[in-house]
């Protein structure tokens, strides 16, 4: 969540109240912000769940996005 807040501030985006059920498209982050978030998480966590060989559904909500990273780290 700290990365989301940091990137939103850097990109001067106004965020909706963050919750697990919040659709990413309604979060206030645009596609560039989400790409920056993924790259930032890759740098900080050394983890890219999108490069996995496993099948997964693209996250629609903030909670699903977080779960994707949590499951990849497990």
Protein backbone atom coordinates (compact mmCIF):
# COMPACT_ATOMS: atom_id res chain seq x y z
CA UNK A 1 0.00 0.00 0.00
CA UNK A 2 2.89 2.35 0.71
CA UNK A 3 4.05 1.96 -2.89
CA UNK A 4 0.55 2.80 -4.16
CA UNK A 5 0.46 5.96 -2.04
CA UNK A 6 3.98 6.97 -3.05
CA UNK A 7 3.37 6.53 -6.77
CA UNK A 8 0.04 8.35 -6.61
CA UNK A 9 1.77 11.28 -4.92
CA UNK A 10 4.63 11.29 -7.45
CA UNK A 11 2.20 11.24 -10.36
CA UNK A 12 -0.15 13.76 -8.69
CA UNK A 13 -3.10 11.36 -8.73
CA UNK A 14 -6.00 11.58 -6.33
CA UNK A 15 -6.80 8.14 -4.94
CA UNK A 16 -10.18 6.76 -4.03
CA UNK A 17 -10.42 5.34 -0.50
CA UNK A 18 -8.33 2.18 -0.72
CA UNK A 19 -9.97 -1.15 0.08
CA UNK A 20 -9.61 -4.75 -1.06
CA UNK A 21 -12.77 -4.55 -3.17
CA UNK A 22 -11.81 -1.32 -4.95
CA UNK A 23 -11.57 -1.91 -8.71
CA UNK A 24 -8.13 -0.88 -9.95
CA UNK A 25 -9.77 1.15 -12.71
CA UNK A 26 -11.61 3.18 -10.05
CA UNK A 27 -8.60 3.65 -7.78
CA UNK A 28 -7.39 6.89 -9.34
CA UNK A 29 -4.29 5.19 -10.79
CA UNK A 30 -4.01 5.22 -14.57
CA UNK A 31 -2.26 2.57 -16.65
CA UNK A 32 1.09 4.38 -16.39
CA UNK A 33 0.82 4.45 -12.59
CA UNK A 34 0.02 0.75 -12.49
CA UNK A 35 3.02 0.01 -14.74
CA UNK A 36 5.24 2.10 -12.45
CA UNK A 37 3.79 0.24 -9.45
CA UNK A 38 4.58 -3.16 -10.98
CA UNK A 39 8.13 -2.06 -11.85
CA UNK A 40 8.63 -0.59 -8.38
CA UNK A 41 7.39 -3.75 -6.67
CA UNK A 42 9.66 -5.82 -8.91
CA UNK A 43 12.63 -3.70 -7.79
CA UNK A 44 11.72 -3.70 -4.09
CA UNK A 45 10.56 -7.31 -3.79
CA UNK A 46 12.61 -8.86 -6.60
CA UNK A 47 9.37 -10.50 -7.60
CA UNK A 48 7.38 -10.36 -10.85
CA UNK A 49 4.25 -12.50 -10.62
CA UNK A 50 3.34 -11.57 -14.20
CA UNK A 51 6.32 -13.52 -15.55
CA UNK A 52 5.20 -16.72 -13.85
CA UNK A 53 4.59 -19.91 -15.83
CA UNK A 54 1.44 -20.47 -13.79
CA UNK A 55 -1.93 -19.49 -15.18
CA UNK A 56 -3.60 -16.66 -13.31
CA UNK A 57 -6.38 -14.18 -13.84
CA UNK A 58 -5.36 -10.58 -14.18
CA UNK A 59 -6.29 -8.70 -11.03
CA UNK A 60 -9.38 -6.51 -11.21
CA UNK A 61 -9.46 -5.22 -7.65
CA UNK A 62 -6.78 -3.87 -5.35
CA UNK A 63 -7.23 -6.93 -3.13
CA UNK A 64 -6.67 -9.26 -6.08
CA UNK A 65 -3.54 -7.29 -7.04
CA UNK A 66 -2.15 -7.64 -3.53
CA UNK A 67 -3.10 -11.34 -3.40
CA UNK A 68 -1.28 -11.94 -6.70
CA UNK A 69 1.95 -10.69 -5.11
CA UNK A 70 1.33 -12.53 -1.85
CA UNK A 71 0.73 -15.81 -3.69
CA UNK A 72 3.80 -15.33 -5.88
CA UNK A 73 5.95 -14.74 -2.81
CA UNK A 74 4.68 -17.91 -1.11
